[in-house]
PDB file of N, CA and C in Angstrom:
ATOM      1  N   MET A   1       0.842  -1.178  -0.004  1.00  0.00           N
ATOM      2  CA  MET A   1       0.014   0.007   0.003  1.00  0.00           C
ATOM      3  C   MET A   1       0.888   1.232   0.002  1.00  0.00           C
ATOM      4  N   LYS A   2       0.576   2.193  -0.896  1.00  0.00           N
ATOM      5  CA  LYS A   2       1.267   3.471  -0.898  1.00  0.00           C
ATOM      6  C   LYS A   2       0.301   4.539  -0.423  1.00  0.00           C
ATOM      7  N   ILE A   3       0.858   5.432   0.398  1.00  0.00           N
ATOM      8  CA  ILE A   3       0.067   6.538   0.919  1.00  0.00           C
ATOM      9  C   ILE A   3       0.807   7.816   0.618  1.00  0.00           C
ATOM     10  N   HIS A   4       0.115   8.729  -0.065  1.00  0.00           N
ATOM     11  CA  HIS A   4       0.690  10.039  -0.369  1.00  0.00           C
ATOM     12  C   HIS A   4      -0.043  11.071   0.503  1.00  0.00           C
ATOM     13  N   PHE A   5       0.711  11.965   1.119  1.00  0.00           N
ATOM     14  CA  PHE A   5       0.167  12.903   2.081  1.00  0.00           C
ATOM     15  C   PHE A   5       0.767  14.273   1.872  1.00  0.00           C
ATOM     16  N   GLN A   6      -0.096  15.282   1.902  1.00  0.00           N
ATOM     17  CA  GLN A   6       0.369  16.673   1.791  1.00  0.00           C
ATOM     18  C   GLN A   6      -0.531  17.597   2.588  1.00  0.00           C
ATOM     19  N   THR A   7       0.105  18.601   3.198  1.00  0.00           N
ATOM     20  CA  THR A   7      -0.648  19.643   3.912  1.00  0.00           C
ATOM     21  C   THR A   7      -0.521  20.964   3.172  1.00  0.00           C
ATOM     22  N   ASN A   8      -1.530  21.775   3.290  1.00  0.00           N
ATOM     23  CA  ASN A   8      -1.511  23.110   2.710  1.00  0.00           C
ATOM     24  C   ASN A   8      -2.223  24.056   3.640  1.00  0.00           C
ATOM     25  N   GLY A   9      -1.819  25.322   3.589  1.00  0.00           N
ATOM     26  CA  GLY A   9      -2.483  26.356   4.376  1.00  0.00           C
ATOM     27  C   GLY A   9      -2.074  26.398   5.817  1.00  0.00           C
ATOM     28  N   GLY A  10      -2.910  27.016   6.606  1.00  0.00           N
ATOM     29  CA  GLY A  10      -2.627  27.194   8.016  1.00  0.00           C
ATOM     30  C   GLY A  10      -2.205  28.611   8.309  1.00  0.00           C
ATOM     31  N   PHE A  11      -2.281  28.981   9.536  1.00  0.00           N
ATOM     32  CA  PHE A  11      -1.963  30.364   9.983  1.00  0.00           C
ATOM     33  C   PHE A  11      -0.498  30.717   9.662  1.00  0.00           C
ATOM     34  N   ALA A  12       0.379  29.812  10.036  1.00  0.00           N
ATOM     35  CA  ALA A  12       1.809  30.074   9.807  1.00  0.00           C
ATOM     36  C   ALA A  12       2.312  29.088   8.743  1.00  0.00           C
ATOM     37  N   TYR A  13       1.770  29.202   7.575  1.00  0.00           N
ATOM     38  CA  TYR A  13       2.076  28.277   6.484  1.00  0.00           C
ATOM     39  C   TYR A  13       3.559  28.383   6.112  1.00  0.00           C
ATOM     40  N   LEU A  14       4.252  27.248   6.192  1.00  0.00           N
ATOM     41  CA  LEU A  14       5.671  27.186   5.849  1.00  0.00           C
ATOM     42  C   LEU A  14       5.817  26.160   4.730  1.00  0.00           C
ATOM     43  N   PRO A  15       6.015  26.618   3.516  1.00  0.00           N
ATOM     44  CA  PRO A  15       6.089  25.689   2.367  1.00  0.00           C
ATOM     45  C   PRO A  15       7.109  24.565   2.559  1.00  0.00           C
ATOM     46  N   GLY A  16       8.203  24.819   3.215  1.00  0.00           N
ATOM     47  CA  GLY A  16       9.195  23.790   3.430  1.00  0.00           C
ATOM     48  C   GLY A  16       8.702  22.649   4.272  1.00  0.00           C
ATOM     49  N   MET A  17       7.758  22.922   5.153  1.00  0.00           N
ATOM     50  CA  MET A  17       7.183  21.892   6.014  1.00  0.00           C
ATOM     51  C   MET A  17       5.994  21.208   5.365  1.00  0.00           C
ATOM     52  N   SER A  18       5.605  21.649   4.172  1.00  0.00           N
ATOM     53  CA  SER A  18       4.446  21.127   3.496  1.00  0.00           C
ATOM     54  C   SER A  18       4.787  20.288   2.276  1.00  0.00           C
ATOM     55  N   LYS A  19       6.017  19.816   2.220  1.00  0.00           N
ATOM     56  CA  LYS A  19       6.416  19.007   1.081  1.00  0.00           C
ATOM     57  C   LYS A  19       5.607  17.697   1.080  1.00  0.00           C
ATOM     58  N   PRO A  20       5.252  17.226  -0.122  1.00  0.00           N
ATOM     59  CA  PRO A  20       4.528  15.944  -0.178  1.00  0.00           C
ATOM     60  C   PRO A  20       5.344  14.821   0.466  1.00  0.00           C
ATOM     61  N   PHE A  21       4.641  13.918   1.077  1.00  0.00           N
ATOM     62  CA  PHE A  21       5.272  12.799   1.758  1.00  0.00           C
ATOM     63  C   PHE A  21       4.617  11.525   1.258  1.00  0.00           C
ATOM     64  N   THR A  22       5.410  10.527   0.910  1.00  0.00           N
ATOM     65  CA  THR A  22       4.888   9.248   0.441  1.00  0.00           C
ATOM     66  C   THR A  22       5.505   8.153   1.268  1.00  0.00           C
ATOM     67  N   ILE A  23       4.668   7.211   1.647  1.00  0.00           N
ATOM     68  CA  ILE A  23       5.161   6.028   2.373  1.00  0.00           C
ATOM     69  C   ILE A  23       4.599   4.793   1.684  1.00  0.00           C
ATOM     70  N   ASP A  24       5.469   3.833   1.487  1.00  0.00           N
ATOM     71  CA  ASP A  24       5.079   2.552   0.914  1.00  0.00           C
ATOM     72  C   ASP A  24       5.211   1.527   2.013  1.00  0.00           C
ATOM     73  N   THR A  25       4.083   0.939   2.411  1.00  0.00           N
ATOM     74  CA  THR A  25       4.102   0.033   3.570  1.00  0.00           C
ATOM     75  C   THR A  25       4.916  -1.227   3.297  1.00  0.00           C
ATOM     76  N   THR A  26       5.166  -1.553   2.028  1.00  0.00           N
ATOM     77  CA  THR A  26       5.998  -2.715   1.760  1.00  0.00           C
ATOM     78  C   THR A  26       7.475  -2.472   2.131  1.00  0.00           C
ATOM     79  N   ASN A  27       7.842  -1.207   2.325  1.00  0.00           N
ATOM     80  CA  ASN A  27       9.211  -0.866   2.691  1.00  0.00           C
ATOM     81  C   ASN A  27       9.352  -0.589   4.184  1.00  0.00           C
ATOM     82  N   GLU A  28       8.287  -0.770   4.940  1.00  0.00           N
ATOM     83  CA  GLU A  28       8.291  -0.484   6.381  1.00  0.00           C
ATOM     84  C   GLU A  28       8.368  -1.795   7.158  1.00  0.00           C
ATOM     85  N   ASN A  29       8.715  -1.697   8.443  1.00  0.00           N
ATOM     86  CA  ASN A  29       8.702  -2.913   9.264  1.00  0.00           C
ATOM     87  C   ASN A  29       7.253  -3.357   9.431  1.00  0.00           C
ATOM     88  N   ALA A  30       7.080  -4.605   9.748  1.00  0.00           N
ATOM     89  CA  ALA A  30       5.726  -5.211   9.789  1.00  0.00           C
ATOM     90  C   ALA A  30       4.784  -4.455  10.739  1.00  0.00           C
ATOM     91  N   GLU A  31       5.276  -4.044  11.893  1.00  0.00           N
ATOM     92  CA  GLU A  31       4.418  -3.374  12.872  1.00  0.00           C
ATOM     93  C   GLU A  31       3.936  -2.021  12.356  1.00  0.00           C
ATOM     94  N   ALA A  32       4.841  -1.231  11.792  1.00  0.00           N
ATOM     95  CA  ALA A  32       4.481   0.090  11.259  1.00  0.00           C
ATOM     96  C   ALA A  32       3.554  -0.068  10.063  1.00  0.00           C
ATOM     97  N   ALA A  33       3.816  -1.056   9.219  1.00  0.00           N
ATOM     98  CA  ALA A  33       2.949  -1.278   8.040  1.00  0.00           C
ATOM     99  C   ALA A  33       1.553  -1.691   8.491  1.00  0.00           C
ATOM    100  N   ASP A  34       1.469  -2.622   9.429  1.00  0.00           N
ATOM    101  CA  ASP A  34       0.165  -3.053   9.932  1.00  0.00           C
ATOM    102  C   ASP A  34      -0.601  -1.913  10.562  1.00  0.00           C
ATOM    103  N   GLN A  35       0.094  -1.058  11.316  1.00  0.00           N
ATOM    104  CA  GLN A  35      -0.584   0.078  11.959  1.00  0.00           C
ATOM    105  C   GLN A  35      -1.198   1.002  10.900  1.00  0.00           C
ATOM    106  N   LEU A  36      -0.421   1.360   9.906  1.00  0.00           N
ATOM    107  CA  LEU A  36      -0.954   2.257   8.865  1.00  0.00           C
ATOM    108  C   LEU A  36      -2.090   1.619   8.084  1.00  0.00           C
ATOM    109  N   GLU A  37      -1.925   0.383   7.691  1.00  0.00           N
ATOM    110  CA  GLU A  37      -2.980  -0.320   6.946  1.00  0.00           C
ATOM    111  C   GLU A  37      -4.232  -0.471   7.759  1.00  0.00           C
ATOM    112  N   ASN A  38      -4.114  -0.702   9.055  1.00  0.00           N
ATOM    113  CA  ASN A  38      -5.278  -0.785   9.940  1.00  0.00           C
ATOM    114  C   ASN A  38      -5.964   0.558  10.056  1.00  0.00           C
ATOM    115  N   LEU A  39      -5.181   1.644  10.174  1.00  0.00           N
ATOM    116  CA  LEU A  39      -5.789   2.978  10.237  1.00  0.00           C
ATOM    117  C   LEU A  39      -6.580   3.308   8.979  1.00  0.00           C
ATOM    118  N   VAL A  40      -6.017   2.900   7.825  1.00  0.00           N
ATOM    119  CA  VAL A  40      -6.746   3.123   6.550  1.00  0.00           C
ATOM    120  C   VAL A  40      -8.067   2.317   6.560  1.00  0.00           C
ATOM    121  N   GLN A  41      -8.014   1.067   6.986  1.00  0.00           N
ATOM    122  CA  GLN A  41      -9.222   0.239   7.029  1.00  0.00           C
ATOM    123  C   GLN A  41     -10.236   0.803   8.019  1.00  0.00           C
ATOM    124  N   GLU A  42      -9.769   1.145   9.220  1.00  0.00           N
ATOM    125  CA  GLU A  42     -10.683   1.655  10.269  1.00  0.00           C
ATOM    126  C   GLU A  42     -11.360   2.958   9.865  1.00  0.00           C
ATOM    127  N   ALA A  43     -10.645   3.780   9.073  1.00  0.00           N
ATOM    128  CA  ALA A  43     -11.212   5.021   8.586  1.00  0.00           C
ATOM    129  C   ALA A  43     -12.173   4.778   7.410  1.00  0.00           C
ATOM    130  N   ARG A  44     -12.222   3.538   6.923  1.00  0.00           N
ATOM    131  CA  ARG A  44     -13.025   3.215   5.749  1.00  0.00           C
ATOM    132  C   ARG A  44     -12.698   4.179   4.606  1.00  0.00           C
ATOM    133  N   PHE A  45     -11.379   4.332   4.420  1.00  0.00           N
ATOM    134  CA  PHE A  45     -10.833   5.366   3.554  1.00  0.00           C
ATOM    135  C   PHE A  45     -11.439   5.301   2.149  1.00  0.00           C
ATOM    136  N   PHE A  46     -11.554   4.113   1.584  1.00  0.00           N
ATOM    137  CA  PHE A  46     -12.026   4.009   0.199  1.00  0.00           C
ATOM    138  C   PHE A  46     -13.547   4.323   0.072  1.00  0.00           C
ATOM    139  N   GLU A  47     -14.217   4.454   1.186  1.00  0.00           N
ATOM    140  CA  GLU A  47     -15.633   4.813   1.164  1.00  0.00           C
ATOM    141  C   GLU A  47     -15.862   6.306   1.455  1.00  0.00           C
ATOM    142  N   LEU A  48     -14.816   7.003   1.825  1.00  0.00           N
ATOM    143  CA  LEU A  48     -14.961   8.434   2.194  1.00  0.00           C
ATOM    144  C   LEU A  48     -15.204   9.273   0.949  1.00  0.00           C
ATOM    145  N   PRO A  49     -15.975  10.343   1.085  1.00  0.00           N
ATOM    146  CA  PRO A  49     -16.145  11.269  -0.036  1.00  0.00           C
ATOM    147  C   PRO A  49     -14.831  11.991  -0.335  1.00  0.00           C
ATOM    148  N   THR A  50     -14.700  12.486  -1.536  1.00  0.00           N
ATOM    149  CA  THR A  50     -13.498  13.179  -1.969  1.00  0.00           C
ATOM    150  C   THR A  50     -13.151  14.356  -1.049  1.00  0.00           C
ATOM    151  N   HIS A  51     -14.166  15.088  -0.600  1.00  0.00           N
ATOM    152  CA  HIS A  51     -13.963  16.191   0.338  1.00  0.00           C
ATOM    153  C   HIS A  51     -14.677  15.814   1.641  1.00  0.00           C
ATOM    154  N   SER A  52     -13.922  15.585   2.685  1.00  0.00           N
ATOM    155  CA  SER A  52     -14.525  15.072   3.911  1.00  0.00           C
ATOM    156  C   SER A  52     -14.842  16.125   4.947  1.00  0.00           C
ATOM    157  N   SER A  53     -14.463  17.383   4.696  1.00  0.00           N
ATOM    158  CA  SER A  53     -14.757  18.437   5.642  1.00  0.00           C
ATOM    159  C   SER A  53     -15.320  19.629   4.893  1.00  0.00           C
ATOM    160  N   THR A  54     -16.193  20.331   5.541  1.00  0.00           N
ATOM    161  CA  THR A  54     -16.675  21.576   4.929  1.00  0.00           C
ATOM    162  C   THR A  54     -16.301  22.729   5.851  1.00  0.00           C
ATOM    163  N   LEU A  55     -15.864  23.793   5.230  1.00  0.00           N
ATOM    164  CA  LEU A  55     -15.484  24.969   5.990  1.00  0.00           C
ATOM    165  C   LEU A  55     -16.671  25.787   6.387  1.00  0.00           C
ATOM    166  N   SER A  56     -16.626  26.367   7.564  1.00  0.00           N
ATOM    167  CA  SER A  56     -17.649  27.295   7.996  1.00  0.00           C
ATOM    168  C   SER A  56     -17.485  28.591   7.204  1.00  0.00           C
ATOM    169  N   LYS A  57     -18.584  29.304   7.008  1.00  0.00           N
ATOM    170  CA  LYS A  57     -18.500  30.582   6.311  1.00  0.00           C
ATOM    171  C   LYS A  57     -17.574  31.507   7.047  1.00  0.00           C
ATOM    172  N   GLY A  58     -16.667  32.135   6.338  1.00  0.00           N
ATOM    173  CA  GLY A  58     -15.717  33.086   6.936  1.00  0.00           C
ATOM    174  C   GLY A  58     -14.502  32.378   7.515  1.00  0.00           C
ATOM    175  N   ALA A  59     -14.411  31.057   7.369  1.00  0.00           N
ATOM    176  CA  ALA A  59     -13.266  30.322   7.911  1.00  0.00           C
ATOM    177  C   ALA A  59     -12.010  30.655   7.077  1.00  0.00           C
ATOM    178  N   ALA A  60     -10.922  30.836   7.767  1.00  0.00           N
ATOM    179  CA  ALA A  60      -9.654  31.111   7.107  1.00  0.00           C
ATOM    180  C   ALA A  60      -8.510  30.465   7.899  1.00  0.00           C
ATOM    181  N   ASP A  61      -7.403  30.295   7.240  1.00  0.00           N
ATOM    182  CA  ASP A  61      -6.195  29.804   7.904  1.00  0.00           C
ATOM    183  C   ASP A  61      -6.291  28.384   8.425  1.00  0.00           C
ATOM    184  N   PHE A  62      -7.161  27.568   7.839  1.00  0.00           N
ATOM    185  CA  PHE A  62      -7.268  26.177   8.252  1.00  0.00           C
ATOM    186  C   PHE A  62      -6.261  25.349   7.447  1.00  0.00           C
ATOM    187  N   ILE A  63      -5.760  24.304   8.035  1.00  0.00           N
ATOM    188  CA  ILE A  63      -4.865  23.384   7.339  1.00  0.00           C
ATOM    189  C   ILE A  63      -5.709  22.407   6.534  1.00  0.00           C
ATOM    190  N   THR A  64      -5.287  22.178   5.295  1.00  0.00           N
ATOM    191  CA  THR A  64      -5.977  21.220   4.439  1.00  0.00           C
ATOM    192  C   THR A  64      -5.026  20.047   4.205  1.00  0.00           C
ATOM    193  N   TYR A  65      -5.568  18.866   4.302  1.00  0.00           N
ATOM    194  CA  TYR A  65      -4.770  17.636   4.086  1.00  0.00           C
ATOM    195  C   TYR A  65      -5.296  16.963   2.842  1.00  0.00           C
ATOM    196  N   THR A  66      -4.372  16.517   2.000  1.00  0.00           N
ATOM    197  CA  THR A  66      -4.694  15.710   0.833  1.00  0.00           C
ATOM    198  C   THR A  66      -4.030  14.366   1.037  1.00  0.00           C
ATOM    199  N   VAL A  67      -4.852  13.309   0.989  1.00  0.00           N
ATOM    200  CA  VAL A  67      -4.335  11.951   1.210  1.00  0.00           C
ATOM    201  C   VAL A  67      -4.793  11.090   0.034  1.00  0.00           C
ATOM    202  N   THR A  68      -3.849  10.395  -0.541  1.00  0.00           N
ATOM    203  CA  THR A  68      -4.156   9.426  -1.570  1.00  0.00           C
ATOM    204  C   THR A  68      -3.616   8.076  -1.137  1.00  0.00           C
ATOM    205  N   VAL A  69      -4.485   7.062  -1.214  1.00  0.00           N
ATOM    206  CA  VAL A  69      -4.069   5.711  -0.861  1.00  0.00           C
ATOM    207  C   VAL A  69      -4.195   4.863  -2.133  1.00  0.00           C
ATOM    208  N   GLU A  70      -3.114   4.148  -2.420  1.00  0.00           N
ATOM    209  CA  GLU A  70      -3.101   3.209  -3.536  1.00  0.00           C
ATOM    210  C   GLU A  70      -2.938   1.813  -2.908  1.00  0.00           C
ATOM    211  N   ASP A  71      -3.874   0.951  -3.185  1.00  0.00           N
ATOM    212  CA  ASP A  71      -3.855  -0.416  -2.643  1.00  0.00           C
ATOM    213  C   ASP A  71      -4.161  -1.357  -3.783  1.00  0.00           C
ATOM    214  N   GLY A  72      -3.126  -1.885  -4.374  1.00  0.00           N
ATOM    215  CA  GLY A  72      -3.329  -2.730  -5.566  1.00  0.00           C
ATOM    216  C   GLY A  72      -3.986  -1.918  -6.676  1.00  0.00           C
ATOM    217  N   PRO A  73      -5.076  -2.413  -7.243  1.00  0.00           N
ATOM    218  CA  PRO A  73      -5.744  -1.680  -8.322  1.00  0.00           C
ATOM    219  C   PRO A  73      -6.603  -0.495  -7.843  1.00  0.00           C
ATOM    220  N   ARG A  74      -6.798  -0.404  -6.552  1.00  0.00           N
ATOM    221  CA  ARG A  74      -7.629   0.699  -6.010  1.00  0.00           C
ATOM    222  C   ARG A  74      -6.787   1.889  -5.686  1.00  0.00           C
ATOM    223  N   ALA A  75      -7.355   3.061  -5.937  1.00  0.00           N
ATOM    224  CA  ALA A  75      -6.726   4.332  -5.546  1.00  0.00           C
ATOM    225  C   ALA A  75      -7.848   5.292  -5.222  1.00  0.00           C
ATOM    226  N   HIS A  76      -7.658   6.069  -4.142  1.00  0.00           N
ATOM    227  CA  HIS A  76      -8.669   7.037  -3.735  1.00  0.00           C
ATOM    228  C   HIS A  76      -7.946   8.232  -3.103  1.00  0.00           C
ATOM    229  N   THR A  77      -8.452   9.418  -3.403  1.00  0.00           N
ATOM    230  CA  THR A  77      -7.909  10.644  -2.853  1.00  0.00           C
ATOM    231  C   THR A  77      -9.004  11.396  -2.113  1.00  0.00           C
ATOM    232  N   ILE A  78      -8.642  11.892  -0.926  1.00  0.00           N
ATOM    233  CA  ILE A  78      -9.576  12.724  -0.176  1.00  0.00           C
ATOM    234  C   ILE A  78      -8.863  14.006   0.231  1.00  0.00           C
ATOM    235  N   THR A  79      -9.631  15.053   0.443  1.00  0.00           N
ATOM    236  CA  THR A  79      -9.145  16.301   0.988  1.00  0.00           C
ATOM    237  C   THR A  79      -9.969  16.557   2.246  1.00  0.00           C
ATOM    238  N   ALA A  80      -9.284  16.845   3.333  1.00  0.00           N
ATOM    239  CA  ALA A  80      -9.932  17.121   4.611  1.00  0.00           C
ATOM    240  C   ALA A  80      -9.328  18.392   5.182  1.00  0.00           C
ATOM    241  N   THR A  81     -10.137  19.124   5.926  1.00  0.00           N
ATOM    242  CA  THR A  81      -9.712  20.379   6.520  1.00  0.00           C
ATOM    243  C   THR A  81      -9.826  20.273   8.043  1.00  0.00           C
ATOM    244  N   ASP A  82      -8.840  20.839   8.744  1.00  0.00           N
ATOM    245  CA  ASP A  82      -8.930  20.901  10.219  1.00  0.00           C
ATOM    246  C   ASP A  82     -10.116  21.762  10.603  1.00  0.00           C
ATOM    247  N   PRO A  83     -10.817  21.414  11.614  1.00  0.00           N
ATOM    248  CA  PRO A  83     -10.687  20.181  12.393  1.00  0.00           C
ATOM    249  C   PRO A  83     -11.347  18.990  11.627  1.00  0.00           C
ATOM    250  N   VAL A  84     -10.630  17.887  11.607  1.00  0.00           N
ATOM    251  CA  VAL A  84     -11.175  16.687  10.961  1.00  0.00           C
ATOM    252  C   VAL A  84     -12.173  16.053  11.911  1.00  0.00           C
ATOM    253  N   GLY A  85     -13.446  16.030  11.502  1.00  0.00           N
ATOM    254  CA  GLY A  85     -14.523  15.581  12.386  1.00  0.00           C
ATOM    255  C   GLY A  85     -14.579  14.080  12.580  1.00  0.00           C
ATOM    256  N   ASP A  86     -14.218  13.326  11.600  1.00  0.00           N
ATOM    257  CA  ASP A  86     -14.269  11.866  11.735  1.00  0.00           C
ATOM    258  C   ASP A  86     -13.045  11.395  12.542  1.00  0.00           C
ATOM    259  N   GLU A  87     -13.320  10.727  13.680  1.00  0.00           N
ATOM    260  CA  GLU A  87     -12.248  10.343  14.585  1.00  0.00           C
ATOM    261  C   GLU A  87     -11.240   9.395  13.950  1.00  0.00           C
ATOM    262  N   LYS A  88     -11.697   8.429  13.203  1.00  0.00           N
ATOM    263  CA  LYS A  88     -10.807   7.450  12.586  1.00  0.00           C
ATOM    264  C   LYS A  88      -9.948   8.112  11.505  1.00  0.00           C
ATOM    265  N   LEU A  89     -10.530   9.023  10.719  1.00  0.00           N
ATOM    266  CA  LEU A  89      -9.743   9.733   9.740  1.00  0.00           C
ATOM    267  C   LEU A  89      -8.744  10.653  10.419  1.00  0.00           C
ATOM    268  N   HIS A  90      -9.179  11.270  11.502  1.00  0.00           N
ATOM    269  CA  HIS A  90      -8.286  12.127  12.269  1.00  0.00           C
ATOM    270  C   HIS A  90      -7.045  11.333  12.756  1.00  0.00           C
ATOM    271  N   GLN A  91      -7.284  10.127  13.225  1.00  0.00           N
ATOM    272  CA  GLN A  91      -6.166   9.288  13.704  1.00  0.00           C
ATOM    273  C   GLN A  91      -5.194   8.961  12.570  1.00  0.00           C
ATOM    274  N   LEU A  92      -5.727   8.664  11.369  1.00  0.00           N
ATOM    275  CA  LEU A  92      -4.886   8.393  10.236  1.00  0.00           C
ATOM    276  C   LEU A  92      -4.058   9.613   9.867  1.00  0.00           C
ATOM    277  N   ILE A  93      -4.709  10.745   9.801  1.00  0.00           N
ATOM    278  CA  ILE A  93      -4.027  11.995   9.433  1.00  0.00           C
ATOM    279  C   ILE A  93      -2.975  12.357  10.478  1.00  0.00           C
ATOM    280  N   ALA A  94      -3.295  12.187  11.765  1.00  0.00           N
ATOM    281  CA  ALA A  94      -2.326  12.477  12.821  1.00  0.00           C
ATOM    282  C   ALA A  94      -1.088  11.600  12.668  1.00  0.00           C
ATOM    283  N   ARG A  95      -1.287  10.330  12.359  1.00  0.00           N
ATOM    284  CA  ARG A  95      -0.131   9.438  12.189  1.00  0.00           C
ATOM    285  C   ARG A  95       0.704   9.855  10.977  1.00  0.00           C
ATOM    286  N   LEU A  96       0.028  10.205   9.896  1.00  0.00           N
ATOM    287  CA  LEU A  96       0.742  10.653   8.699  1.00  0.00           C
ATOM    288  C   LEU A  96       1.501  11.964   8.947  1.00  0.00           C
ATOM    289  N   ARG A  97       0.893  12.861   9.695  1.00  0.00           N
ATOM    290  CA  ARG A  97       1.591  14.119  10.030  1.00  0.00           C
ATOM    291  C   ARG A  97       2.855  13.833  10.817  1.00  0.00           C
ATOM    292  N   ASN A  98       2.783  12.956  11.775  1.00  0.00           N
ATOM    293  CA  ASN A  98       3.964  12.603  12.604  1.00  0.00           C
ATOM    294  C   ASN A  98       5.040  11.943  11.746  1.00  0.00           C
ATOM    295  N   LEU A  99       4.635  11.055  10.831  1.00  0.00           N
ATOM    296  CA  LEU A  99       5.630  10.404   9.963  1.00  0.00           C
ATOM    297  C   LEU A  99       6.267  11.415   9.033  1.00  0.00           C
ATOM    298  N   ALA A 100       5.459  12.344   8.499  1.00  0.00           N
ATOM    299  CA  ALA A 100       5.968  13.374   7.575  1.00  0.00           C
ATOM    300  C   ALA A 100       6.967  14.298   8.268  1.00  0.00           C
ATOM    301  N   ARG A 101       6.650  14.663   9.504  1.00  0.00           N
ATOM    302  CA  ARG A 101       7.531  15.533  10.263  1.00  0.00           C
ATOM    303  C   ARG A 101       8.865  14.897  10.556  1.00  0.00           C
ATOM    304  N   SER A 102       8.839  13.589  10.820  1.00  0.00           N
ATOM    305  CA  SER A 102      10.094  12.907  11.179  1.00  0.00           C
ATOM    306  C   SER A 102      10.866  12.409   9.962  1.00  0.00           C
ATOM    307  N   ALA A 103      10.295  12.541   8.770  1.00  0.00           N
ATOM    308  CA  ALA A 103      11.003  12.085   7.548  1.00  0.00           C
ATOM    309  C   ALA A 103      12.112  13.060   7.225  1.00  0.00           C
ATOM    310  N   PRO A 104      13.205  12.558   6.682  1.00  0.00           N
ATOM    311  CA  PRO A 104      14.285  13.448   6.279  1.00  0.00           C
ATOM    312  C   PRO A 104      13.822  14.309   5.117  1.00  0.00           C
ATOM    313  N   HIS A 105      14.176  15.626   5.144  1.00  0.00           N
ATOM    314  CA  HIS A 105      13.749  16.545   4.082  1.00  0.00           C
ATOM    315  C   HIS A 105      14.885  16.852   3.174  1.00  0.00           C
TER     316      HIS A 105
END
């Protein structure tokens, strides 16, 4: 499974911190791969609408997340905006944010 993750926007938007991040679970240790794949399944990622959050009128400076998951022949992309209302999707995005932050740039 490949997961592509990118953030945009935010109050203190720093383009250098918003570089796209890709992780291929086949290149990860079994525990890390299982955790990510389980988060994708628990979020029912492939059933989510393309845009999973709606902004309130007048909303500004929110962080937007774009996540694409490729699993064999399936691929799906969603865009979500903070605050992410779905708890399972929030957990997946939080994990991806942590992995992206710790990845070498």
